[in-house]
Amino acid sequence: MDIKFRKPTLADKDEIDYFFHKYPSRSCERTFANIYLWSRKDPVTYGIVDKTLVFKREHKDSLAFTFPAGEPEDVKEAMKSLKKYANERNFPFVLYFVTPPQFAEIEELYPGRFNIEYKRDVADYVYEYETLEKLSGKKLHGKRNHINKFLINYEGRWSYERITEDNIEECFQMALRWGRANGAYDDPEKNAELAVSLNSLRLFEELGFVGGLLRIEGQVIAFTSGEAVTDDTFVVHIEKAMAFVEGAYPMINQQFVINECKDYKYINREDDAGVEGLRIAKLSYKPAFLVEKGEVRENEDKE
């Protein structure tokens, strides 16, 4: 079956955004920027299949699709087309990054025909705005301590700014310093992370990002950026800070939320990629809930 998939480019942003806005999800993958920025590392392509938007992840020994974004009747037709596409290439039919609401839609269309296996490493951490703004309560006492120490150590010497064309080059230079300090030029994973950060700054305006930075005595020591993923949820895509500045990470986190995210009930801070230290850090902020995502396969006895 001939379905045209192609690598997303900046010229495709409006088409992809149309589907994401019409069929919203709080999953961080439901933004053009996330897909585009990571497309160099993860060879994802997209296509319009039976009036739905579908992304394809294909390697030599595997093939999987995202849940089709579209109307239920079109989703059903797209599922048939994608299954045929996979079978013609001798692959099982697999969907990835499927959320519980999407699986519920699959169940409604095909009762009992598919199973889902949720993958903890790709679950997004979603926090209430007020939690990250105030850091109230005993459980967030440690976070407040880090920020208070930052405020004491750098009293009168720190400032927060929104990222603009006038200061974005300073963020770019800080990202390069972060790369050197974190061994990004010798570690493929860190190098990919640095490349995404640099490209997010280079294409800041085109991607429609909102960002903020921290300075100490005039020098940028942290920056962060993201975008709305739904009407009530903002997703933070990028966050970088110089680790030698104690409290820089919790400070940029809180200042960005206070200054740029007032209009949103929830803040999605993406997944932990299965990294233990990152998981501990994200859990320590007490998420309101996780956006679960899983892999969907057809029941063997239903095939």
C-alpha atoms as a PDB file:
ATOM      1  CA  MET A   1       0.000   0.000   0.000  1.00  0.00           C
ATOM      2  CA  ASP A   2       1.418   3.369  -1.028  1.00  0.00           C
ATOM      3  CA  ILE A   3       1.117   5.869   1.839  1.00  0.00           C
ATOM      4  CA  LYS A   4       3.379   8.892   1.493  1.00  0.00           C
ATOM      5  CA  PHE A   5       5.397   9.577   4.646  1.00  0.00           C
ATOM      6  CA  ARG A   6       7.986  12.325   4.763  1.00  0.00           C
ATOM      7  CA  LYS A   7      10.289  14.014   7.255  1.00  0.00           C
ATOM      8  CA  PRO A   8       8.624  17.075   8.832  1.00  0.00           C
ATOM      9  CA  THR A   9      10.055  20.466   7.889  1.00  0.00           C
ATOM     10  CA  LEU A  10       9.281  23.961   9.121  1.00  0.00           C
ATOM     11  CA  ALA A  11       7.012  24.372   6.100  1.00  0.00           C
ATOM     12  CA  ASP A  12       4.792  21.593   7.529  1.00  0.00           C
ATOM     13  CA  LYS A  13       4.203  23.297  10.878  1.00  0.00           C
ATOM     14  CA  ASP A  14       0.796  24.777  10.019  1.00  0.00           C
ATOM     15  CA  GLU A  15      -0.565  21.472   8.714  1.00  0.00           C
ATOM     16  CA  ILE A  16       0.656  19.506  11.759  1.00  0.00           C
ATOM     17  CA  ASP A  17      -0.495  22.209  14.194  1.00  0.00           C
ATOM     18  CA  TYR A  18      -3.975  22.108  12.655  1.00  0.00           C
ATOM     19  CA  PHE A  19      -4.448  18.478  13.640  1.00  0.00           C
ATOM     20  CA  PHE A  20      -2.824  18.877  17.066  1.00  0.00           C
ATOM     21  CA  HIS A  21      -5.068  21.833  17.931  1.00  0.00           C
ATOM     22  CA  LYS A  22      -8.231  20.171  16.636  1.00  0.00           C
ATOM     23  CA  TYR A  23      -7.517  16.838  18.374  1.00  0.00           C
ATOM     24  CA  PRO A  24      -5.621  17.911  21.515  1.00  0.00           C
ATOM     25  CA  SER A  25      -3.689  15.828  24.013  1.00  0.00           C
ATOM     26  CA  ARG A  26      -1.522  16.833  26.966  1.00  0.00           C
ATOM     27  CA  SER A  27       1.241  14.513  25.731  1.00  0.00           C
ATOM     28  CA  CYS A  28       4.442  16.460  25.015  1.00  0.00           C
ATOM     29  CA  GLU A  29       4.737  14.696  21.655  1.00  0.00           C
ATOM     30  CA  ARG A  30       1.619  16.526  20.496  1.00  0.00           C
ATOM     31  CA  THR A  31       3.611  19.616  19.537  1.00  0.00           C
ATOM     32  CA  PHE A  32       5.345  20.315  16.251  1.00  0.00           C
ATOM     33  CA  ALA A  33       8.457  21.567  18.042  1.00  0.00           C
ATOM     34  CA  ASN A  34       9.008  18.351  19.964  1.00  0.00           C
ATOM     35  CA  ILE A  35       8.804  16.258  16.811  1.00  0.00           C
ATOM     36  CA  TYR A  36      10.853  18.611  14.665  1.00  0.00           C
ATOM     37  CA  LEU A  37      13.650  19.264  17.154  1.00  0.00           C
ATOM     38  CA  TRP A  38      14.235  15.584  17.881  1.00  0.00           C
ATOM     39  CA  SER A  39      13.834  14.440  14.263  1.00  0.00           C
ATOM     40  CA  ARG A  40      17.617  14.413  13.713  1.00  0.00           C
ATOM     41  CA  LYS A  41      18.078  11.784  16.431  1.00  0.00           C
ATOM     42  CA  ASP A  42      14.805   9.907  15.999  1.00  0.00           C
ATOM     43  CA  PRO A  43      13.984   9.378  12.295  1.00  0.00           C
ATOM     44  CA  VAL A  44      10.244  10.089  12.451  1.00  0.00           C
ATOM     45  CA  THR A  45       8.197  10.814   9.327  1.00  0.00           C
ATOM     46  CA  TYR A  46       4.576  11.843   8.942  1.00  0.00           C
ATOM     47  CA  GLY A  47       1.717  11.463   6.507  1.00  0.00           C
ATOM     48  CA  ILE A  48      -1.976  12.231   6.063  1.00  0.00           C
ATOM     49  CA  VAL A  49      -3.736   8.861   6.111  1.00  0.00           C
ATOM     50  CA  ASP A  50      -7.479   8.748   5.446  1.00  0.00           C
ATOM     51  CA  LYS A  51      -7.865  12.378   6.586  1.00  0.00           C
ATOM     52  CA  THR A  52      -5.883  11.740   9.806  1.00  0.00           C
ATOM     53  CA  LEU A  53      -2.405  12.796  10.878  1.00  0.00           C
ATOM     54  CA  VAL A  54      -0.031   9.870  11.523  1.00  0.00           C
ATOM     55  CA  PHE A  55       3.648   9.723  12.446  1.00  0.00           C
ATOM     56  CA  LYS A  56       5.770   6.714  11.591  1.00  0.00           C
ATOM     57  CA  ARG A  57       8.870   5.471  13.409  1.00  0.00           C
ATOM     58  CA  GLU A  58      10.708   2.943  11.279  1.00  0.00           C
ATOM     59  CA  HIS A  59      13.999   1.154  11.832  1.00  0.00           C
ATOM     60  CA  LYS A  60      15.516  -1.842  10.089  1.00  0.00           C
ATOM     61  CA  ASP A  61      13.838  -4.282  12.458  1.00  0.00           C
ATOM     62  CA  SER A  62      10.761  -2.376  13.681  1.00  0.00           C
ATOM     63  CA  LEU A  63       7.851  -0.258  12.523  1.00  0.00           C
ATOM     64  CA  ALA A  64       5.281   1.656  14.571  1.00  0.00           C
ATOM     65  CA  PHE A  65       2.775   4.485  14.123  1.00  0.00           C
ATOM     66  CA  THR A  66       1.224   7.108  16.357  1.00  0.00           C
ATOM     67  CA  PHE A  67      -2.501   7.042  17.048  1.00  0.00           C
ATOM     68  CA  PRO A  68      -4.200   8.712  14.059  1.00  0.00           C
ATOM     69  CA  ALA A  69      -5.362  12.241  14.882  1.00  0.00           C
ATOM     70  CA  GLY A  70      -8.759  12.732  13.335  1.00  0.00           C
ATOM     71  CA  GLU A  71     -12.471  12.037  13.495  1.00  0.00           C
ATOM     72  CA  PRO A  72     -13.477   8.558  14.805  1.00  0.00           C
ATOM     73  CA  GLU A  73     -14.733   7.325  11.440  1.00  0.00           C
ATOM     74  CA  ASP A  74     -11.497   8.465   9.783  1.00  0.00           C
ATOM     75  CA  VAL A  75      -9.412   6.928  12.591  1.00  0.00           C
ATOM     76  CA  LYS A  76     -11.047   3.569  11.901  1.00  0.00           C
ATOM     77  CA  GLU A  77     -10.194   3.763   8.197  1.00  0.00           C
ATOM     78  CA  ALA A  78      -6.652   4.899   8.986  1.00  0.00           C
ATOM     79  CA  MET A  79      -6.143   1.955  11.356  1.00  0.00           C
ATOM     80  CA  LYS A  80      -7.071  -0.414   8.520  1.00  0.00           C
ATOM     81  CA  SER A  81      -4.709   1.320   6.110  1.00  0.00           C
ATOM     82  CA  LEU A  82      -1.817   1.338   8.582  1.00  0.00           C
ATOM     83  CA  LYS A  83      -2.284  -2.332   9.417  1.00  0.00           C
ATOM     84  CA  LYS A  84      -2.170  -3.187   5.713  1.00  0.00           C
ATOM     85  CA  TYR A  85       0.924  -0.978   5.273  1.00  0.00           C
ATOM     86  CA  ALA A  86       2.717  -2.814   8.119  1.00  0.00           C
ATOM     87  CA  ASN A  87       1.667  -6.281   6.989  1.00  0.00           C
ATOM     88  CA  GLU A  88       2.870  -5.659   3.440  1.00  0.00           C
ATOM     89  CA  ARG A  89       6.304  -4.965   4.945  1.00  0.00           C
ATOM     90  CA  ASN A  90       6.167  -8.058   7.175  1.00  0.00           C
ATOM     91  CA  PHE A  91       5.820  -6.079  10.406  1.00  0.00           C
ATOM     92  CA  PRO A  92       3.159  -6.438  13.097  1.00  0.00           C
ATOM     93  CA  PHE A  93       0.745  -3.534  13.477  1.00  0.00           C
ATOM     94  CA  VAL A  94       1.992  -1.415  16.397  1.00  0.00           C
ATOM     95  CA  LEU A  95       0.998   2.022  17.721  1.00  0.00           C
ATOM     96  CA  TYR A  96       3.310   3.907  20.095  1.00  0.00           C
ATOM     97  CA  PHE A  97       2.893   6.817  22.543  1.00  0.00           C
ATOM     98  CA  VAL A  98      -0.807   5.973  22.892  1.00  0.00           C
ATOM     99  CA  THR A  99      -2.478   7.718  25.856  1.00  0.00           C
ATOM    100  CA  PRO A 100      -5.390   6.298  27.909  1.00  0.00           C
ATOM    101  CA  PRO A 101      -8.015   8.513  26.167  1.00  0.00           C
ATOM    102  CA  GLN A 102      -6.697   7.397  22.788  1.00  0.00           C
ATOM    103  CA  PHE A 103      -6.798   3.742  23.820  1.00  0.00           C
ATOM    104  CA  ALA A 104     -10.375   4.263  25.028  1.00  0.00           C
ATOM    105  CA  GLU A 105     -11.200   5.453  21.513  1.00  0.00           C
ATOM    106  CA  ILE A 106      -9.563   2.343  20.061  1.00  0.00           C
ATOM    107  CA  GLU A 107     -11.582   0.171  22.460  1.00  0.00           C
ATOM    108  CA  GLU A 108     -14.779   1.873  21.357  1.00  0.00           C
ATOM    109  CA  LEU A 109     -13.964   1.253  17.710  1.00  0.00           C
ATOM    110  CA  TYR A 110     -12.594  -2.276  18.218  1.00  0.00           C
ATOM    111  CA  PRO A 111     -13.868  -3.743  21.538  1.00  0.00           C
ATOM    112  CA  GLY A 112     -11.357  -6.214  22.995  1.00  0.00           C
ATOM    113  CA  ARG A 113      -9.274  -6.379  19.838  1.00  0.00           C
ATOM    114  CA  PHE A 114      -6.184  -4.521  21.057  1.00  0.00           C
ATOM    115  CA  ASN A 115      -3.980  -4.515  24.149  1.00  0.00           C
ATOM    116  CA  ILE A 116      -1.886  -1.660  25.524  1.00  0.00           C
ATOM    117  CA  GLU A 117       1.351  -1.909  27.495  1.00  0.00           C
ATOM    118  CA  TYR A 118       2.192   1.363  29.220  1.00  0.00           C
ATOM    119  CA  LYS A 119       5.869   2.411  29.219  1.00  0.00           C
ATOM    120  CA  ARG A 120       6.815   4.176  32.457  1.00  0.00           C
ATOM    121  CA  ASP A 121       9.955   5.761  30.981  1.00  0.00           C
ATOM    122  CA  VAL A 122       7.950   7.886  28.518  1.00  0.00           C
ATOM    123  CA  ALA A 123       5.207   9.082  30.907  1.00  0.00           C
ATOM    124  CA  ASP A 124       5.031  12.888  31.149  1.00  0.00           C
ATOM    125  CA  TYR A 125       5.056  14.622  34.532  1.00  0.00           C
ATOM    126  CA  VAL A 126       2.264  17.182  34.832  1.00  0.00           C
ATOM    127  CA  TYR A 127       2.125  19.660  37.730  1.00  0.00           C
ATOM    128  CA  GLU A 128      -0.448  22.143  38.900  1.00  0.00           C
ATOM    129  CA  TYR A 129       0.579  25.733  38.268  1.00  0.00           C
ATOM    130  CA  GLU A 130       0.073  26.638  41.924  1.00  0.00           C
ATOM    131  CA  THR A 131       2.362  23.824  43.088  1.00  0.00           C
ATOM    132  CA  LEU A 132       5.306  25.080  41.034  1.00  0.00           C
ATOM    133  CA  GLU A 133       4.509  28.718  41.765  1.00  0.00           C
ATOM    134  CA  LYS A 134       4.318  28.509  45.573  1.00  0.00           C
ATOM    135  CA  LEU A 135       6.157  25.261  46.439  1.00  0.00           C
ATOM    136  CA  SER A 136       3.942  25.088  49.522  1.00  0.00           C
ATOM    137  CA  GLY A 137       3.806  22.301  52.082  1.00  0.00           C
ATOM    138  CA  LYS A 138       6.167  20.006  53.895  1.00  0.00           C
ATOM    139  CA  LYS A 139       6.846  17.809  50.867  1.00  0.00           C
ATOM    140  CA  LEU A 140       8.329  20.746  48.902  1.00  0.00           C
ATOM    141  CA  HIS A 141      10.325  22.128  51.838  1.00  0.00           C
ATOM    142  CA  GLY A 142      13.612  21.082  50.180  1.00  0.00           C
ATOM    143  CA  LYS A 143      12.812  23.006  47.006  1.00  0.00           C
ATOM    144  CA  ARG A 144      12.051  26.147  48.990  1.00  0.00           C
ATOM    145  CA  ASN A 145      15.350  25.736  50.825  1.00  0.00           C
ATOM    146  CA  HIS A 146      17.307  25.614  47.561  1.00  0.00           C
ATOM    147  CA  ILE A 147      15.577  28.766  46.322  1.00  0.00           C
ATOM    148  CA  ASN A 148      16.029  30.576  49.634  1.00  0.00           C
ATOM    149  CA  LYS A 149      19.727  29.738  49.576  1.00  0.00           C
ATOM    150  CA  PHE A 150      19.955  31.080  46.022  1.00  0.00           C
ATOM    151  CA  LEU A 151      18.220  34.295  47.107  1.00  0.00           C
ATOM    152  CA  ILE A 152      20.611  34.722  50.044  1.00  0.00           C
ATOM    153  CA  ASN A 153      23.773  33.878  48.085  1.00  0.00           C
ATOM    154  CA  TYR A 154      22.912  36.140  45.161  1.00  0.00           C
ATOM    155  CA  GLU A 155      20.896  38.887  46.823  1.00  0.00           C
ATOM    156  CA  GLY A 156      20.900  41.971  44.646  1.00  0.00           C
ATOM    157  CA  ARG A 157      22.940  40.183  41.987  1.00  0.00           C
ATOM    158  CA  TRP A 158      20.359  38.058  40.141  1.00  0.00           C
ATOM    159  CA  SER A 159      17.589  38.907  37.691  1.00  0.00           C
ATOM    160  CA  TYR A 160      15.002  37.187  35.508  1.00  0.00           C
ATOM    161  CA  GLU A 161      14.182  38.171  31.917  1.00  0.00           C
ATOM    162  CA  ARG A 162      11.902  36.900  29.204  1.00  0.00           C
ATOM    163  CA  ILE A 163      13.855  35.604  26.208  1.00  0.00           C
ATOM    164  CA  THR A 164      13.771  38.051  23.293  1.00  0.00           C
ATOM    165  CA  GLU A 165      15.795  38.667  20.149  1.00  0.00           C
ATOM    166  CA  ASP A 166      17.970  40.978  22.239  1.00  0.00           C
ATOM    167  CA  ASN A 167      19.200  38.333  24.681  1.00  0.00           C
ATOM    168  CA  ILE A 168      18.779  35.015  22.861  1.00  0.00           C
ATOM    169  CA  GLU A 169      22.404  34.947  21.683  1.00  0.00           C
ATOM    170  CA  GLU A 170      23.494  34.988  25.331  1.00  0.00           C
ATOM    171  CA  CYS A 171      21.371  31.867  25.911  1.00  0.00           C
ATOM    172  CA  PHE A 172      23.049  30.264  22.907  1.00  0.00           C
ATOM    173  CA  GLN A 173      26.476  30.968  24.401  1.00  0.00           C
ATOM    174  CA  MET A 174      25.353  29.632  27.781  1.00  0.00           C
ATOM    175  CA  ALA A 175      24.154  26.417  26.123  1.00  0.00           C
ATOM    176  CA  LEU A 176      27.622  25.969  24.634  1.00  0.00           C
ATOM    177  CA  ARG A 177      29.151  26.451  28.098  1.00  0.00           C
ATOM    178  CA  TRP A 178      26.671  23.902  29.469  1.00  0.00           C
ATOM    179  CA  GLY A 179      27.755  21.485  26.752  1.00  0.00           C
ATOM    180  CA  ARG A 180      31.422  21.816  27.655  1.00  0.00           C
ATOM    181  CA  ALA A 181      30.695  21.472  31.380  1.00  0.00           C
ATOM    182  CA  ASN A 182      28.602  18.325  30.834  1.00  0.00           C
ATOM    183  CA  GLY A 183      30.796  16.446  28.367  1.00  0.00           C
ATOM    184  CA  ALA A 184      28.355  16.871  25.505  1.00  0.00           C
ATOM    185  CA  TYR A 185      31.093  16.653  22.889  1.00  0.00           C
ATOM    186  CA  ASP A 186      32.075  13.129  23.977  1.00  0.00           C
ATOM    187  CA  ASP A 187      28.660  11.689  24.890  1.00  0.00           C
ATOM    188  CA  PRO A 188      26.217  11.029  21.986  1.00  0.00           C
ATOM    189  CA  GLU A 189      23.124  11.413  24.205  1.00  0.00           C
ATOM    190  CA  LYS A 190      24.322  14.689  25.720  1.00  0.00           C
ATOM    191  CA  ASN A 191      25.375  15.883  22.268  1.00  0.00           C
ATOM    192  CA  ALA A 192      21.867  15.245  20.918  1.00  0.00           C
ATOM    193  CA  GLU A 193      20.410  17.099  23.926  1.00  0.00           C
ATOM    194  CA  LEU A 194      22.721  20.051  23.265  1.00  0.00           C
ATOM    195  CA  ALA A 195      21.845  20.083  19.555  1.00  0.00           C
ATOM    196  CA  VAL A 196      18.121  20.228  20.397  1.00  0.00           C
ATOM    197  CA  SER A 197      18.723  23.112  22.829  1.00  0.00           C
ATOM    198  CA  LEU A 198      20.762  25.074  20.276  1.00  0.00           C
ATOM    199  CA  ASN A 199      18.235  24.494  17.502  1.00  0.00           C
ATOM    200  CA  SER A 200      15.387  25.522  19.797  1.00  0.00           C
ATOM    201  CA  LEU A 201      17.136  28.873  20.237  1.00  0.00           C
ATOM    202  CA  ARG A 202      18.062  29.238  16.585  1.00  0.00           C
ATOM    203  CA  LEU A 203      14.405  28.635  15.592  1.00  0.00           C
ATOM    204  CA  PHE A 204      12.856  30.239  18.671  1.00  0.00           C
ATOM    205  CA  GLU A 205      10.524  32.581  16.797  1.00  0.00           C
ATOM    206  CA  GLU A 206       9.598  30.102  14.051  1.00  0.00           C
ATOM    207  CA  LEU A 207       8.612  27.489  16.645  1.00  0.00           C
ATOM    208  CA  GLY A 208       6.502  29.982  18.593  1.00  0.00           C
ATOM    209  CA  PHE A 209       8.385  29.407  21.845  1.00  0.00           C
ATOM    210  CA  VAL A 210       8.134  31.377  25.083  1.00  0.00           C
ATOM    211  CA  GLY A 211      11.253  31.432  27.222  1.00  0.00           C
ATOM    212  CA  GLY A 212      12.942  32.920  30.251  1.00  0.00           C
ATOM    213  CA  LEU A 213      16.477  33.297  31.584  1.00  0.00           C
ATOM    214  CA  LEU A 214      18.322  33.949  34.831  1.00  0.00           C
ATOM    215  CA  ARG A 215      21.325  36.225  35.224  1.00  0.00           C
ATOM    216  CA  ILE A 216      23.859  36.577  37.998  1.00  0.00           C
ATOM    217  CA  GLU A 217      25.863  39.792  37.816  1.00  0.00           C
ATOM    218  CA  GLY A 218      24.761  40.154  34.213  1.00  0.00           C
ATOM    219  CA  GLN A 219      25.774  36.689  33.001  1.00  0.00           C
ATOM    220  CA  VAL A 220      23.150  34.182  31.867  1.00  0.00           C
ATOM    221  CA  ILE A 221      23.356  31.079  34.073  1.00  0.00           C
ATOM    222  CA  ALA A 222      20.030  29.372  33.186  1.00  0.00           C
ATOM    223  CA  PHE A 223      17.328  29.440  30.549  1.00  0.00           C
ATOM    224  CA  THR A 224      14.142  27.542  29.760  1.00  0.00           C
ATOM    225  CA  SER A 225      11.482  27.532  27.054  1.00  0.00           C
ATOM    226  CA  GLY A 226       8.312  25.854  25.857  1.00  0.00           C
ATOM    227  CA  GLU A 227       4.822  26.361  24.460  1.00  0.00           C
ATOM    228  CA  ALA A 228       1.153  25.648  25.059  1.00  0.00           C
ATOM    229  CA  VAL A 229       0.136  22.065  24.280  1.00  0.00           C
ATOM    230  CA  THR A 230      -3.587  22.532  25.117  1.00  0.00           C
ATOM    231  CA  ASP A 231      -5.709  25.449  26.291  1.00  0.00           C
ATOM    232  CA  ASP A 232      -4.971  24.633  29.942  1.00  0.00           C
ATOM    233  CA  THR A 233      -1.489  23.057  29.736  1.00  0.00           C
ATOM    234  CA  PHE A 234       1.950  24.508  28.997  1.00  0.00           C
ATOM    235  CA  VAL A 235       4.806  22.136  28.132  1.00  0.00           C
ATOM    236  CA  VAL A 236       8.405  22.949  29.076  1.00  0.00           C
ATOM    237  CA  HIS A 237      10.663  21.566  26.348  1.00  0.00           C
ATOM    238  CA  ILE A 238      14.063  22.974  27.278  1.00  0.00           C
ATOM    239  CA  GLU A 239      15.677  23.749  30.634  1.00  0.00           C
ATOM    240  CA  LYS A 240      19.402  24.310  31.094  1.00  0.00           C
ATOM    241  CA  ALA A 241      21.354  25.737  34.028  1.00  0.00           C
ATOM    242  CA  MET A 242      24.975  25.869  35.122  1.00  0.00           C
ATOM    243  CA  ALA A 243      25.176  23.240  37.866  1.00  0.00           C
ATOM    244  CA  PHE A 244      27.869  25.080  39.836  1.00  0.00           C
ATOM    245  CA  VAL A 245      25.248  27.718  40.698  1.00  0.00           C
ATOM    246  CA  GLU A 246      23.416  26.148  43.624  1.00  0.00           C
ATOM    247  CA  GLY A 247      19.659  26.501  43.255  1.00  0.00           C
ATOM    248  CA  ALA A 248      19.790  27.579  39.601  1.00  0.00           C
ATOM    249  CA  TYR A 249      17.490  24.812  38.389  1.00  0.00           C
ATOM    250  CA  PRO A 250      14.687  25.241  40.943  1.00  0.00           C
ATOM    251  CA  MET A 251      15.001  29.025  40.600  1.00  0.00           C
ATOM    252  CA  ILE A 252      14.585  29.125  36.806  1.00  0.00           C
ATOM    253  CA  ASN A 253      11.771  26.587  37.107  1.00  0.00           C
ATOM    254  CA  GLN A 254       9.836  28.714  39.572  1.00  0.00           C
ATOM    255  CA  GLN A 255      10.580  32.100  37.991  1.00  0.00           C
ATOM    256  CA  PHE A 256       9.534  30.903  34.542  1.00  0.00           C
ATOM    257  CA  VAL A 257       6.251  29.518  35.852  1.00  0.00           C
ATOM    258  CA  ILE A 258       5.503  32.699  37.823  1.00  0.00           C
ATOM    259  CA  ASN A 259       6.306  35.028  34.949  1.00  0.00           C
ATOM    260  CA  GLU A 260       5.185  33.146  31.842  1.00  0.00           C
ATOM    261  CA  CYS A 261       2.643  30.454  32.773  1.00  0.00           C
ATOM    262  CA  LYS A 262      -0.066  32.310  34.712  1.00  0.00           C
ATOM    263  CA  ASP A 263      -2.693  31.474  32.084  1.00  0.00           C
ATOM    264  CA  TYR A 264      -2.326  27.704  32.447  1.00  0.00           C
ATOM    265  CA  LYS A 265      -3.665  25.291  35.053  1.00  0.00           C
ATOM    266  CA  TYR A 266      -1.037  22.640  34.359  1.00  0.00           C
ATOM    267  CA  ILE A 267       2.654  22.511  33.461  1.00  0.00           C
ATOM    268  CA  ASN A 268       3.928  19.459  31.573  1.00  0.00           C
ATOM    269  CA  ARG A 269       7.645  18.923  32.241  1.00  0.00           C
ATOM    270  CA  GLU A 270       7.958  15.929  29.903  1.00  0.00           C
ATOM    271  CA  ASP A 271       9.253  12.442  30.751  1.00  0.00           C
ATOM    272  CA  ASP A 272      12.328  11.173  32.575  1.00  0.00           C
ATOM    273  CA  ALA A 273      13.565   8.855  29.774  1.00  0.00           C
ATOM    274  CA  GLY A 274      14.153   6.178  32.407  1.00  0.00           C
ATOM    275  CA  VAL A 275      17.048   8.120  33.966  1.00  0.00           C
ATOM    276  CA  GLU A 276      16.947   7.409  37.705  1.00  0.00           C
ATOM    277  CA  GLY A 277      18.264  10.795  38.843  1.00  0.00           C
ATOM    278  CA  LEU A 278      15.852  12.648  36.583  1.00  0.00           C
ATOM    279  CA  ARG A 279      12.960  10.505  37.815  1.00  0.00           C
ATOM    280  CA  ILE A 280      13.789  11.304  41.447  1.00  0.00           C
ATOM    281  CA  ALA A 281      14.020  15.022  40.617  1.00  0.00           C
ATOM    282  CA  LYS A 282      10.699  15.101  38.746  1.00  0.00           C
ATOM    283  CA  LEU A 283       8.880  13.111  41.420  1.00  0.00           C
ATOM    284  CA  SER A 284      10.266  15.430  44.097  1.00  0.00           C
ATOM    285  CA  TYR A 285       8.149  18.269  42.660  1.00  0.00           C
ATOM    286  CA  LYS A 286       4.993  16.217  43.378  1.00  0.00           C
ATOM    287  CA  PRO A 287       3.235  15.917  40.001  1.00  0.00           C
ATOM    288  CA  ALA A 288      -0.552  16.178  39.908  1.00  0.00           C
ATOM    289  CA  PHE A 289      -0.611  13.241  37.482  1.00  0.00           C
ATOM    290  CA  LEU A 290       1.370  11.481  34.777  1.00  0.00           C
ATOM    291  CA  VAL A 291       0.398  11.400  31.117  1.00  0.00           C
ATOM    292  CA  GLU A 292       0.751   7.677  30.540  1.00  0.00           C
ATOM    293  CA  LYS A 293       1.773   6.470  27.111  1.00  0.00           C
ATOM    294  CA  GLY A 294       1.953   2.928  25.842  1.00  0.00           C
ATOM    295  CA  GLU A 295       2.399   0.542  22.962  1.00  0.00           C
ATOM    296  CA  VAL A 296      -0.696  -0.946  21.355  1.00  0.00           C
ATOM    297  CA  ARG A 297      -0.736  -4.333  19.650  1.00  0.00           C
ATOM    298  CA  GLU A 298      -3.506  -6.505  18.297  1.00  0.00           C
ATOM    299  CA  ASN A 299      -4.531  -9.504  20.411  1.00  0.00           C
ATOM    300  CA  GLU A 300      -3.045 -12.600  18.807  1.00  0.00           C
ATOM    301  CA  ASP A 301      -6.376 -14.419  18.763  1.00  0.00           C
ATOM    302  CA  LYS A 302      -8.035 -11.412  17.095  1.00  0.00           C
ATOM    303  CA  GLU A 303      -5.612 -11.036  14.229  1.00  0.00           C
END
